[in-house]
Amino acid sequence: MGDFENYGMQIGAIYNHSADLRNSIYLSLYGGLAWYNRYGAGSTPDDEVISSTLALGKRISLENWGINHLVYTPEIALHSENSTTGSTIEYTQNLELRFLQFSLFF
């Protein structure tokens, strides 16, 4: 089967609807590049991937429960990937519901 290795980077921006970051609605946009490499017998060509993620979320402070630095951050995200494998181009989109997501604030 061979070995599999991937690496990449993304940069993005987050717009907060309110100055209270621990209880704000936010919109985020991230974009980046990734490379997926496969090694071994029968491996497929390497992938170069351009990805982007647009997400809308709500931060909910957990201070009322005695948790000071942890914030619950559920969001809905649209993730797109444009992948080039050898001579073919593959485009995928995923709608993601991220309910088990938390952020640390200090």
PDB file of N, CA and C in Angstrom:
ATOM      1  N   MET A   1       0.821  -1.182   0.000  1.00  0.00           N
ATOM      2  CA  MET A   1       0.000   0.000   0.000  1.00  0.00           C
ATOM      3  C   MET A   1       0.874   1.258   0.000  1.00  0.00           C
ATOM      4  N   GLY A   2       1.946   1.289   0.734  1.00  0.00           N
ATOM      5  CA  GLY A   2       2.842   2.430   0.725  1.00  0.00           C
ATOM      6  C   GLY A   2       2.573   3.415   1.843  1.00  0.00           C
ATOM      7  N   ASP A   3       3.378   4.449   1.849  1.00  0.00           N
ATOM      8  CA  ASP A   3       3.265   5.493   2.863  1.00  0.00           C
ATOM      9  C   ASP A   3       2.493   6.672   2.303  1.00  0.00           C
ATOM     10  N   PHE A   4       1.903   7.436   3.199  1.00  0.00           N
ATOM     11  CA  PHE A   4       1.120   8.603   2.821  1.00  0.00           C
ATOM     12  C   PHE A   4       1.595   9.790   3.647  1.00  0.00           C
ATOM     13  N   GLU A   5       1.789  10.907   3.002  1.00  0.00           N
ATOM     14  CA  GLU A   5       2.265  12.114   3.673  1.00  0.00           C
ATOM     15  C   GLU A   5       1.497  13.307   3.113  1.00  0.00           C
ATOM     16  N   ASN A   6       1.029  14.192   3.987  1.00  0.00           N
ATOM     17  CA  ASN A   6       0.413  15.410   3.492  1.00  0.00           C
ATOM     18  C   ASN A   6       0.850  16.594   4.336  1.00  0.00           C
ATOM     19  N   TYR A   7       0.901  17.741   3.720  1.00  0.00           N
ATOM     20  CA  TYR A   7       1.260  18.970   4.414  1.00  0.00           C
ATOM     21  C   TYR A   7       0.657  20.140   3.644  1.00  0.00           C
ATOM     22  N   GLY A   8       0.468  21.235   4.328  1.00  0.00           N
ATOM     23  CA  GLY A   8      -0.114  22.402   3.688  1.00  0.00           C
ATOM     24  C   GLY A   8      -0.157  23.578   4.638  1.00  0.00           C
ATOM     25  N   MET A   9      -0.752  24.655   4.146  1.00  0.00           N
ATOM     26  CA  MET A   9      -0.898  25.843   4.969  1.00  0.00           C
ATOM     27  C   MET A   9      -2.139  26.599   4.528  1.00  0.00           C
ATOM     28  N   GLN A  10      -2.744  27.296   5.478  1.00  0.00           N
ATOM     29  CA  GLN A  10      -3.893  28.133   5.202  1.00  0.00           C
ATOM     30  C   GLN A  10      -3.731  29.453   5.933  1.00  0.00           C
ATOM     31  N   ILE A  11      -4.234  30.495   5.334  1.00  0.00           N
ATOM     32  CA  ILE A  11      -4.313  31.775   6.011  1.00  0.00           C
ATOM     33  C   ILE A  11      -5.758  32.251   5.888  1.00  0.00           C
ATOM     34  N   GLY A  12      -6.167  33.085   6.825  1.00  0.00           N
ATOM     35  CA  GLY A  12      -7.543  33.514   6.782  1.00  0.00           C
ATOM     36  C   GLY A  12      -7.818  34.717   7.640  1.00  0.00           C
ATOM     37  N   ALA A  13      -9.081  35.042   7.677  1.00  0.00           N
ATOM     38  CA  ALA A  13      -9.541  36.182   8.449  1.00  0.00           C
ATOM     39  C   ALA A  13     -10.860  35.828   9.131  1.00  0.00           C
ATOM     40  N   ILE A  14     -11.076  36.450  10.286  1.00  0.00           N
ATOM     41  CA  ILE A  14     -12.312  36.259  11.039  1.00  0.00           C
ATOM     42  C   ILE A  14     -12.916  37.622  11.304  1.00  0.00           C
ATOM     43  N   TYR A  15     -14.206  37.787  10.962  1.00  0.00           N
ATOM     44  CA  TYR A  15     -14.931  39.019  11.244  1.00  0.00           C
ATOM     45  C   TYR A  15     -15.884  38.743  12.395  1.00  0.00           C
ATOM     46  N   ASN A  16     -15.751  39.510  13.480  1.00  0.00           N
ATOM     47  CA  ASN A  16     -16.623  39.372  14.646  1.00  0.00           C
ATOM     48  C   ASN A  16     -17.719  40.426  14.581  1.00  0.00           C
ATOM     49  N   HIS A  17     -18.950  40.016  14.799  1.00  0.00           N
ATOM     50  CA  HIS A  17     -20.094  40.927  14.735  1.00  0.00           C
ATOM     51  C   HIS A  17     -20.167  41.836  15.954  1.00  0.00           C
ATOM     52  N   SER A  18     -19.533  41.458  17.047  1.00  0.00           N
ATOM     53  CA  SER A  18     -19.601  42.201  18.297  1.00  0.00           C
ATOM     54  C   SER A  18     -18.205  42.368  18.882  1.00  0.00           C
ATOM     55  N   ALA A  19     -18.042  43.374  19.745  1.00  0.00           N
ATOM     56  CA  ALA A  19     -16.757  43.567  20.420  1.00  0.00           C
ATOM     57  C   ALA A  19     -16.548  42.545  21.530  1.00  0.00           C
ATOM     58  N   ASP A  20     -17.622  41.936  22.027  1.00  0.00           N
ATOM     59  CA  ASP A  20     -17.541  40.884  23.045  1.00  0.00           C
ATOM     60  C   ASP A  20     -17.177  39.575  22.351  1.00  0.00           C
ATOM     61  N   LEU A  21     -15.875  39.268  22.269  1.00  0.00           N
ATOM     62  CA  LEU A  21     -15.419  38.111  21.493  1.00  0.00           C
ATOM     63  C   LEU A  21     -15.907  36.784  22.057  1.00  0.00           C
ATOM     64  N   ARG A  22     -16.192  36.706  23.329  1.00  0.00           N
ATOM     65  CA  ARG A  22     -16.611  35.437  23.930  1.00  0.00           C
ATOM     66  C   ARG A  22     -18.078  35.114  23.678  1.00  0.00           C
ATOM     67  N   ASN A  23     -18.849  36.045  23.135  1.00  0.00           N
ATOM     68  CA  ASN A  23     -20.274  35.831  22.862  1.00  0.00           C
ATOM     69  C   ASN A  23     -20.666  36.411  21.505  1.00  0.00           C
ATOM     70  N   SER A  24     -19.793  36.334  20.544  1.00  0.00           N
ATOM     71  CA  SER A  24     -19.987  36.993  19.260  1.00  0.00           C
ATOM     72  C   SER A  24     -20.373  36.004  18.163  1.00  0.00           C
ATOM     73  N   ILE A  25     -21.166  36.483  17.228  1.00  0.00           N
ATOM     74  CA  ILE A  25     -21.366  35.776  15.964  1.00  0.00           C
ATOM     75  C   ILE A  25     -20.173  36.145  15.087  1.00  0.00           C
ATOM     76  N   TYR A  26     -19.639  35.194  14.329  1.00  0.00           N
ATOM     77  CA  TYR A  26     -18.462  35.476  13.510  1.00  0.00           C
ATOM     78  C   TYR A  26     -18.571  34.811  12.150  1.00  0.00           C
ATOM     79  N   LEU A  27     -17.834  35.375  11.210  1.00  0.00           N
ATOM     80  CA  LEU A  27     -17.721  34.846   9.864  1.00  0.00           C
ATOM     81  C   LEU A  27     -16.237  34.683   9.576  1.00  0.00           C
ATOM     82  N   SER A  28     -15.842  33.515   9.111  1.00  0.00           N
ATOM     83  CA  SER A  28     -14.425  33.283   8.830  1.00  0.00           C
ATOM     84  C   SER A  28     -14.245  32.782   7.404  1.00  0.00           C
ATOM     85  N   LEU A  29     -13.115  33.156   6.825  1.00  0.00           N
ATOM     86  CA  LEU A  29     -12.746  32.722   5.485  1.00  0.00           C
ATOM     87  C   LEU A  29     -11.269  32.344   5.509  1.00  0.00           C
ATOM     88  N   TYR A  30     -10.983  31.112   5.119  1.00  0.00           N
ATOM     89  CA  TYR A  30      -9.613  30.611   5.065  1.00  0.00           C
ATOM     90  C   TYR A  30      -9.334  30.061   3.674  1.00  0.00           C
ATOM     91  N   GLY A  31      -8.118  30.245   3.214  1.00  0.00           N
ATOM     92  CA  GLY A  31      -7.694  29.698   1.935  1.00  0.00           C
ATOM     93  C   GLY A  31      -6.263  29.208   2.038  1.00  0.00           C
ATOM     94  N   GLY A  32      -5.930  28.221   1.216  1.00  0.00           N
ATOM     95  CA  GLY A  32      -4.567  27.725   1.287  1.00  0.00           C
ATOM     96  C   GLY A  32      -4.256  26.653   0.271  1.00  0.00           C
ATOM     97  N   LEU A  33      -3.063  26.109   0.426  1.00  0.00           N
ATOM     98  CA  LEU A  33      -2.551  25.062  -0.449  1.00  0.00           C
ATOM     99  C   LEU A  33      -2.167  23.850   0.383  1.00  0.00           C
ATOM    100  N   ALA A  34      -2.277  22.679  -0.224  1.00  0.00           N
ATOM    101  CA  ALA A  34      -1.857  21.440   0.429  1.00  0.00           C
ATOM    102  C   ALA A  34      -1.253  20.513  -0.612  1.00  0.00           C
ATOM    103  N   TRP A  35      -0.406  19.620  -0.153  1.00  0.00           N
ATOM    104  CA  TRP A  35       0.219  18.630  -1.011  1.00  0.00           C
ATOM    105  C   TRP A  35       0.067  17.271  -0.354  1.00  0.00           C
ATOM    106  N   TYR A  36      -0.448  16.300  -1.102  1.00  0.00           N
ATOM    107  CA  TYR A  36      -0.619  14.935  -0.623  1.00  0.00           C
ATOM    108  C   TYR A  36       0.316  14.039  -1.424  1.00  0.00           C
ATOM    109  N   ASN A  37       1.221  13.361  -0.752  1.00  0.00           N
ATOM    110  CA  ASN A  37       2.207  12.505  -1.411  1.00  0.00           C
ATOM    111  C   ASN A  37       1.998  11.058  -0.990  1.00  0.00           C
ATOM    112  N   ARG A  38       2.099  10.156  -1.973  1.00  0.00           N
ATOM    113  CA  ARG A  38       1.979   8.726  -1.719  1.00  0.00           C
ATOM    114  C   ARG A  38       3.260   8.055  -2.200  1.00  0.00           C
ATOM    115  N   TYR A  39       3.746   7.107  -1.416  1.00  0.00           N
ATOM    116  CA  TYR A  39       4.983   6.400  -1.758  1.00  0.00           C
ATOM    117  C   TYR A  39       4.709   4.908  -1.714  1.00  0.00           C
ATOM    118  N   GLY A  40       5.393   4.173  -2.545  1.00  0.00           N
ATOM    119  CA  GLY A  40       5.282   2.725  -2.517  1.00  0.00           C
ATOM    120  C   GLY A  40       4.745   2.174  -3.822  1.00  0.00           C
ATOM    121  N   ALA A  41       4.679   0.843  -3.873  1.00  0.00           N
ATOM    122  CA  ALA A  41       4.231   0.165  -5.081  1.00  0.00           C
ATOM    123  C   ALA A  41       2.760   0.455  -5.351  1.00  0.00           C
ATOM    124  N   GLY A  42       2.436   0.743  -6.598  1.00  0.00           N
ATOM    125  CA  GLY A  42       1.051   0.972  -6.990  1.00  0.00           C
ATOM    126  C   GLY A  42       0.484   2.300  -6.511  1.00  0.00           C
ATOM    127  N   SER A  43       1.341   3.226  -6.143  1.00  0.00           N
ATOM    128  CA  SER A  43       0.836   4.501  -5.640  1.00  0.00           C
ATOM    129  C   SER A  43       0.324   5.369  -6.787  1.00  0.00           C
ATOM    130  N   THR A  44      -0.645   6.202  -6.471  1.00  0.00           N
ATOM    131  CA  THR A  44      -1.206   7.126  -7.451  1.00  0.00           C
ATOM    132  C   THR A  44      -0.366   8.399  -7.476  1.00  0.00           C
ATOM    133  N   PRO A  45      -0.527   9.228  -8.503  1.00  0.00           N
ATOM    134  CA  PRO A  45       0.267  10.465  -8.561  1.00  0.00           C
ATOM    135  C   PRO A  45      -0.032  11.391  -7.376  1.00  0.00           C
ATOM    136  N   ASP A  46       0.904  12.279  -7.111  1.00  0.00           N
ATOM    137  CA  ASP A  46       0.752  13.225  -6.015  1.00  0.00           C
ATOM    138  C   ASP A  46      -0.351  14.243  -6.326  1.00  0.00           C
ATOM    139  N   ASP A  47      -0.945  14.784  -5.264  1.00  0.00           N
ATOM    140  CA  ASP A  47      -2.004  15.775  -5.390  1.00  0.00           C
ATOM    141  C   ASP A  47      -1.490  17.149  -4.982  1.00  0.00           C
ATOM    142  N   GLU A  48      -1.912  18.163  -5.708  1.00  0.00           N
ATOM    143  CA  GLU A  48      -1.768  19.549  -5.294  1.00  0.00           C
ATOM    144  C   GLU A  48      -3.182  20.071  -5.105  1.00  0.00           C
ATOM    145  N   VAL A  49      -3.466  20.600  -3.920  1.00  0.00           N
ATOM    146  CA  VAL A  49      -4.838  20.957  -3.568  1.00  0.00           C
ATOM    147  C   VAL A  49      -4.913  22.430  -3.200  1.00  0.00           C
ATOM    148  N   ILE A  50      -5.865  23.132  -3.797  1.00  0.00           N
ATOM    149  CA  ILE A  50      -6.212  24.490  -3.389  1.00  0.00           C
ATOM    150  C   ILE A  50      -7.514  24.371  -2.602  1.00  0.00           C
ATOM    151  N   SER A  51      -7.502  24.835  -1.353  1.00  0.00           N
ATOM    152  CA  SER A  51      -8.687  24.679  -0.527  1.00  0.00           C
ATOM    153  C   SER A  51      -9.138  26.021   0.033  1.00  0.00           C
ATOM    154  N   SER A  52     -10.440  26.101   0.320  1.00  0.00           N
ATOM    155  CA  SER A  52     -11.003  27.279   0.974  1.00  0.00           C
ATOM    156  C   SER A  52     -12.129  26.839   1.891  1.00  0.00           C
ATOM    157  N   THR A  53     -12.303  27.587   2.968  1.00  0.00           N
ATOM    158  CA  THR A  53     -13.366  27.309   3.931  1.00  0.00           C
ATOM    159  C   THR A  53     -14.037  28.617   4.324  1.00  0.00           C
ATOM    160  N   LEU A  54     -15.354  28.669   4.162  1.00  0.00           N
ATOM    161  CA  LEU A  54     -16.169  29.793   4.590  1.00  0.00           C
ATOM    162  C   LEU A  54     -17.073  29.284   5.701  1.00  0.00           C
ATOM    163  N   ALA A  55     -17.021  29.918   6.879  1.00  0.00           N
ATOM    164  CA  ALA A  55     -17.769  29.414   8.031  1.00  0.00           C
ATOM    165  C   ALA A  55     -18.511  30.544   8.739  1.00  0.00           C
ATOM    166  N   LEU A  56     -19.686  30.217   9.262  1.00  0.00           N
ATOM    167  CA  LEU A  56     -20.474  31.114  10.093  1.00  0.00           C
ATOM    168  C   LEU A  56     -20.675  30.423  11.430  1.00  0.00           C
ATOM    169  N   GLY A  57     -20.323  31.116  12.514  1.00  0.00           N
ATOM    170  CA  GLY A  57     -20.403  30.485  13.824  1.00  0.00           C
ATOM    171  C   GLY A  57     -20.847  31.446  14.907  1.00  0.00           C
ATOM    172  N   LYS A  58     -21.042  30.898  16.089  1.00  0.00           N
ATOM    173  CA  LYS A  58     -21.458  31.664  17.264  1.00  0.00           C
ATOM    174  C   LYS A  58     -20.620  31.205  18.437  1.00  0.00           C
ATOM    175  N   ARG A  59     -19.983  32.149  19.113  1.00  0.00           N
ATOM    176  CA  ARG A  59     -19.233  31.824  20.325  1.00  0.00           C
ATOM    177  C   ARG A  59     -20.163  31.946  21.522  1.00  0.00           C
ATOM    178  N   ILE A  60     -20.069  30.976  22.408  1.00  0.00           N
ATOM    179  CA  ILE A  60     -20.897  30.955  23.613  1.00  0.00           C
ATOM    180  C   ILE A  60     -19.968  30.777  24.806  1.00  0.00           C
ATOM    181  N   SER A  61     -19.914  31.784  25.660  1.00  0.00           N
ATOM    182  CA  SER A  61     -19.043  31.750  26.832  1.00  0.00           C
ATOM    183  C   SER A  61     -19.530  30.700  27.827  1.00  0.00           C
ATOM    184  N   LEU A  62     -18.588  30.013  28.438  1.00  0.00           N
ATOM    185  CA  LEU A  62     -18.917  29.000  29.449  1.00  0.00           C
ATOM    186  C   LEU A  62     -18.619  29.498  30.863  1.00  0.00           C
ATOM    187  N   GLU A  63     -18.490  30.820  31.035  1.00  0.00           N
ATOM    188  CA  GLU A  63     -18.196  31.396  32.351  1.00  0.00           C
ATOM    189  C   GLU A  63     -19.302  31.127  33.363  1.00  0.00           C
ATOM    190  N   ASN A  64     -20.540  31.036  32.908  1.00  0.00           N
ATOM    191  CA  ASN A  64     -21.655  30.742  33.828  1.00  0.00           C
ATOM    192  C   ASN A  64     -21.523  29.355  34.451  1.00  0.00           C
ATOM    193  N   TRP A  65     -20.786  28.480  33.826  1.00  0.00           N
ATOM    194  CA  TRP A  65     -20.572  27.132  34.346  1.00  0.00           C
ATOM    195  C   TRP A  65     -19.239  27.035  35.080  1.00  0.00           C
ATOM    196  N   GLY A  66     -18.570  28.161  35.294  1.00  0.00           N
ATOM    197  CA  GLY A  66     -17.307  28.176  36.015  1.00  0.00           C
ATOM    198  C   GLY A  66     -16.089  27.859  35.162  1.00  0.00           C
ATOM    199  N   ILE A  67     -16.241  27.869  33.853  1.00  0.00           N
ATOM    200  CA  ILE A  67     -15.125  27.603  32.942  1.00  0.00           C
ATOM    201  C   ILE A  67     -14.735  28.932  32.314  1.00  0.00           C
ATOM    202  N   ASN A  68     -13.576  29.473  32.709  1.00  0.00           N
ATOM    203  CA  ASN A  68     -13.228  30.846  32.346  1.00  0.00           C
ATOM    204  C   ASN A  68     -12.612  31.014  30.965  1.00  0.00           C
ATOM    205  N   HIS A  69     -11.756  30.133  30.521  1.00  0.00           N
ATOM    206  CA  HIS A  69     -10.998  30.361  29.296  1.00  0.00           C
ATOM    207  C   HIS A  69     -11.490  29.552  28.103  1.00  0.00           C
ATOM    208  N   LEU A  70     -12.484  28.718  28.288  1.00  0.00           N
ATOM    209  CA  LEU A  70     -12.983  27.874  27.212  1.00  0.00           C
ATOM    210  C   LEU A  70     -14.311  28.421  26.703  1.00  0.00           C
ATOM    211  N   VAL A  71     -14.438  28.521  25.363  1.00  0.00           N
ATOM    212  CA  VAL A  71     -15.636  29.059  24.723  1.00  0.00           C
ATOM    213  C   VAL A  71     -16.146  28.027  23.723  1.00  0.00           C
ATOM    214  N   TYR A  72     -17.441  27.741  23.791  1.00  0.00           N
ATOM    215  CA  TYR A  72     -18.072  26.817  22.855  1.00  0.00           C
ATOM    216  C   TYR A  72     -18.318  27.549  21.532  1.00  0.00           C
ATOM    217  N   THR A  73     -17.878  26.982  20.408  1.00  0.00           N
ATOM    218  CA  THR A  73     -17.948  27.674  19.117  1.00  0.00           C
ATOM    219  C   THR A  73     -18.527  26.780  18.010  1.00  0.00           C
ATOM    220  N   PRO A  74     -19.820  26.474  18.053  1.00  0.00           N
ATOM    221  CA  PRO A  74     -20.394  25.699  16.950  1.00  0.00           C
ATOM    222  C   PRO A  74     -20.453  26.550  15.685  1.00  0.00           C
ATOM    223  N   GLU A  75     -20.311  25.890  14.541  1.00  0.00           N
ATOM    224  CA  GLU A  75     -20.359  26.622  13.274  1.00  0.00           C
ATOM    225  C   GLU A  75     -20.821  25.728  12.141  1.00  0.00           C
ATOM    226  N   ILE A  76     -21.244  26.372  11.076  1.00  0.00           N
ATOM    227  CA  ILE A  76     -21.566  25.686   9.832  1.00  0.00           C
ATOM    228  C   ILE A  76     -20.561  26.179   8.805  1.00  0.00           C
ATOM    229  N   ALA A  77     -19.960  25.266   8.048  1.00  0.00           N
ATOM    230  CA  ALA A  77     -18.861  25.635   7.150  1.00  0.00           C
ATOM    231  C   ALA A  77     -19.051  25.004   5.779  1.00  0.00           C
ATOM    232  N   LEU A  78     -18.643  25.739   4.770  1.00  0.00           N
ATOM    233  CA  LEU A  78     -18.588  25.237   3.406  1.00  0.00           C
ATOM    234  C   LEU A  78     -17.117  25.106   3.041  1.00  0.00           C
ATOM    235  N   HIS A  79     -16.672  23.875   2.810  1.00  0.00           N
ATOM    236  CA  HIS A  79     -15.267  23.588   2.509  1.00  0.00           C
ATOM    237  C   HIS A  79     -15.171  23.145   1.053  1.00  0.00           C
ATOM    238  N   SER A  80     -14.298  23.797   0.285  1.00  0.00           N
ATOM    239  CA  SER A  80     -14.107  23.487  -1.133  1.00  0.00           C
ATOM    240  C   SER A  80     -12.659  23.105  -1.384  1.00  0.00           C
ATOM    241  N   GLU A  81     -12.471  22.125  -2.268  1.00  0.00           N
ATOM    242  CA  GLU A  81     -11.127  21.706  -2.667  1.00  0.00           C
ATOM    243  C   GLU A  81     -11.061  21.540  -4.172  1.00  0.00           C
ATOM    244  N   ASN A  82      -9.996  22.058  -4.753  1.00  0.00           N
ATOM    245  CA  ASN A  82      -9.698  21.892  -6.165  1.00  0.00           C
ATOM    246  C   ASN A  82      -8.391  21.118  -6.224  1.00  0.00           C
ATOM    247  N   SER A  83      -8.453  19.866  -6.637  1.00  0.00           N
ATOM    248  CA  SER A  83      -7.308  18.969  -6.581  1.00  0.00           C
ATOM    249  C   SER A  83      -6.839  18.614  -7.981  1.00  0.00           C
ATOM    250  N   THR A  84      -5.525  18.610  -8.177  1.00  0.00           N
ATOM    251  CA  THR A  84      -4.954  18.169  -9.444  1.00  0.00           C
ATOM    252  C   THR A  84      -4.141  16.907  -9.189  1.00  0.00           C
ATOM    253  N   THR A  85      -4.585  15.807  -9.744  1.00  0.00           N
ATOM    254  CA  THR A  85      -3.897  14.530  -9.612  1.00  0.00           C
ATOM    255  C   THR A  85      -3.375  14.152 -10.993  1.00  0.00           C
ATOM    256  N   GLY A  86      -2.099  14.329 -11.204  1.00  0.00           N
ATOM    257  CA  GLY A  86      -1.550  14.036 -12.527  1.00  0.00           C
ATOM    258  C   GLY A  86      -2.135  14.983 -13.549  1.00  0.00           C
ATOM    259  N   SER A  87      -2.936  14.459 -14.488  1.00  0.00           N
ATOM    260  CA  SER A  87      -3.521  15.299 -15.535  1.00  0.00           C
ATOM    261  C   SER A  87      -5.004  15.568 -15.313  1.00  0.00           C
ATOM    262  N   THR A  88      -5.586  15.086 -14.224  1.00  0.00           N
ATOM    263  CA  THR A  88      -7.014  15.312 -13.977  1.00  0.00           C
ATOM    264  C   THR A  88      -7.224  16.379 -12.908  1.00  0.00           C
ATOM    265  N   ILE A  89      -8.382  17.022 -12.964  1.00  0.00           N
ATOM    266  CA  ILE A  89      -8.760  18.029 -11.978  1.00  0.00           C
ATOM    267  C   ILE A  89     -10.035  17.547 -11.294  1.00  0.00           C
ATOM    268  N   GLU A  90     -10.020  17.531  -9.974  1.00  0.00           N
ATOM    269  CA  GLU A  90     -11.181  17.119  -9.199  1.00  0.00           C
ATOM    270  C   GLU A  90     -11.609  18.269  -8.306  1.00  0.00           C
ATOM    271  N   TYR A  91     -12.914  18.538  -8.258  1.00  0.00           N
ATOM    272  CA  TYR A  91     -13.446  19.620  -7.444  1.00  0.00           C
ATOM    273  C   TYR A  91     -14.482  19.043  -6.491  1.00  0.00           C
ATOM    274  N   THR A  92     -14.330  19.315  -5.201  1.00  0.00           N
ATOM    275  CA  THR A  92     -15.294  18.829  -4.219  1.00  0.00           C
ATOM    276  C   THR A  92     -15.725  19.963  -3.296  1.00  0.00           C
ATOM    277  N   GLN A  93     -16.960  19.861  -2.829  1.00  0.00           N
ATOM    278  CA  GLN A  93     -17.493  20.783  -1.831  1.00  0.00           C
ATOM    279  C   GLN A  93     -18.157  19.969  -0.744  1.00  0.00           C
ATOM    280  N   ASN A  94     -17.951  20.393   0.505  1.00  0.00           N
ATOM    281  CA  ASN A  94     -18.563  19.724   1.647  1.00  0.00           C
ATOM    282  C   ASN A  94     -19.226  20.761   2.532  1.00  0.00           C
ATOM    283  N   LEU A  95     -20.421  20.460   2.981  1.00  0.00           N
ATOM    284  CA  LEU A  95     -21.092  21.271   3.980  1.00  0.00           C
ATOM    285  C   LEU A  95     -20.864  20.589   5.320  1.00  0.00           C
ATOM    286  N   GLU A  96     -20.241  21.303   6.250  1.00  0.00           N
ATOM    287  CA  GLU A  96     -19.855  20.709   7.523  1.00  0.00           C
ATOM    288  C   GLU A  96     -20.585  21.390   8.671  1.00  0.00           C
ATOM    289  N   LEU A  97     -21.146  20.601   9.563  1.00  0.00           N
ATOM    290  CA  LEU A  97     -21.758  21.091  10.795  1.00  0.00           C
ATOM    291  C   LEU A  97     -20.805  20.734  11.924  1.00  0.00           C
ATOM    292  N   ARG A  98     -20.183  21.725  12.499  1.00  0.00           N
ATOM    293  CA  ARG A  98     -19.153  21.511  13.517  1.00  0.00           C
ATOM    294  C   ARG A  98     -19.743  21.828  14.892  1.00  0.00           C
ATOM    295  N   PHE A  99     -20.281  20.806  15.544  1.00  0.00           N
ATOM    296  CA  PHE A  99     -20.940  21.003  16.830  1.00  0.00           C
ATOM    297  C   PHE A  99     -20.014  20.781  18.024  1.00  0.00           C
ATOM    298  N   LEU A 100     -18.973  19.998  17.862  1.00  0.00           N
ATOM    299  CA  LEU A 100     -18.052  19.722  18.960  1.00  0.00           C
ATOM    300  C   LEU A 100     -16.762  20.516  18.768  1.00  0.00           C
ATOM    301  N   GLN A 101     -16.881  21.826  18.887  1.00  0.00           N
ATOM    302  CA  GLN A 101     -15.745  22.699  18.642  1.00  0.00           C
ATOM    303  C   GLN A 101     -15.656  23.732  19.769  1.00  0.00           C
ATOM    304  N   PHE A 102     -14.445  23.934  20.266  1.00  0.00           N
ATOM    305  CA  PHE A 102     -14.213  24.865  21.372  1.00  0.00           C
ATOM    306  C   PHE A 102     -13.004  25.740  21.044  1.00  0.00           C
ATOM    307  N   SER A 103     -12.950  26.928  21.653  1.00  0.00           N
ATOM    308  CA  SER A 103     -11.820  27.840  21.498  1.00  0.00           C
ATOM    309  C   SER A 103     -11.302  28.234  22.861  1.00  0.00           C
ATOM    310  N   LEU A 104     -10.002  28.489  22.942  1.00  0.00           N
ATOM    311  CA  LEU A 104      -9.383  28.969  24.175  1.00  0.00           C
ATOM    312  C   LEU A 104      -9.178  30.473  24.083  1.00  0.00           C
ATOM    313  N   PHE A 105      -9.577  31.197  25.109  1.00  0.00           N
ATOM    314  CA  PHE A 105      -9.360  32.645  25.191  1.00  0.00           C
ATOM    315  C   PHE A 105      -8.599  32.945  26.460  1.00  0.00           C
ATOM    316  N   PHE A 106      -7.540  33.745  26.330  1.00  0.00           N
ATOM    317  CA  PHE A 106      -6.736  34.159  27.489  1.00  0.00           C
ATOM    318  C   PHE A 106      -6.717  35.663  27.575  1.00  0.00           C
TER     319      PHE A 106
END
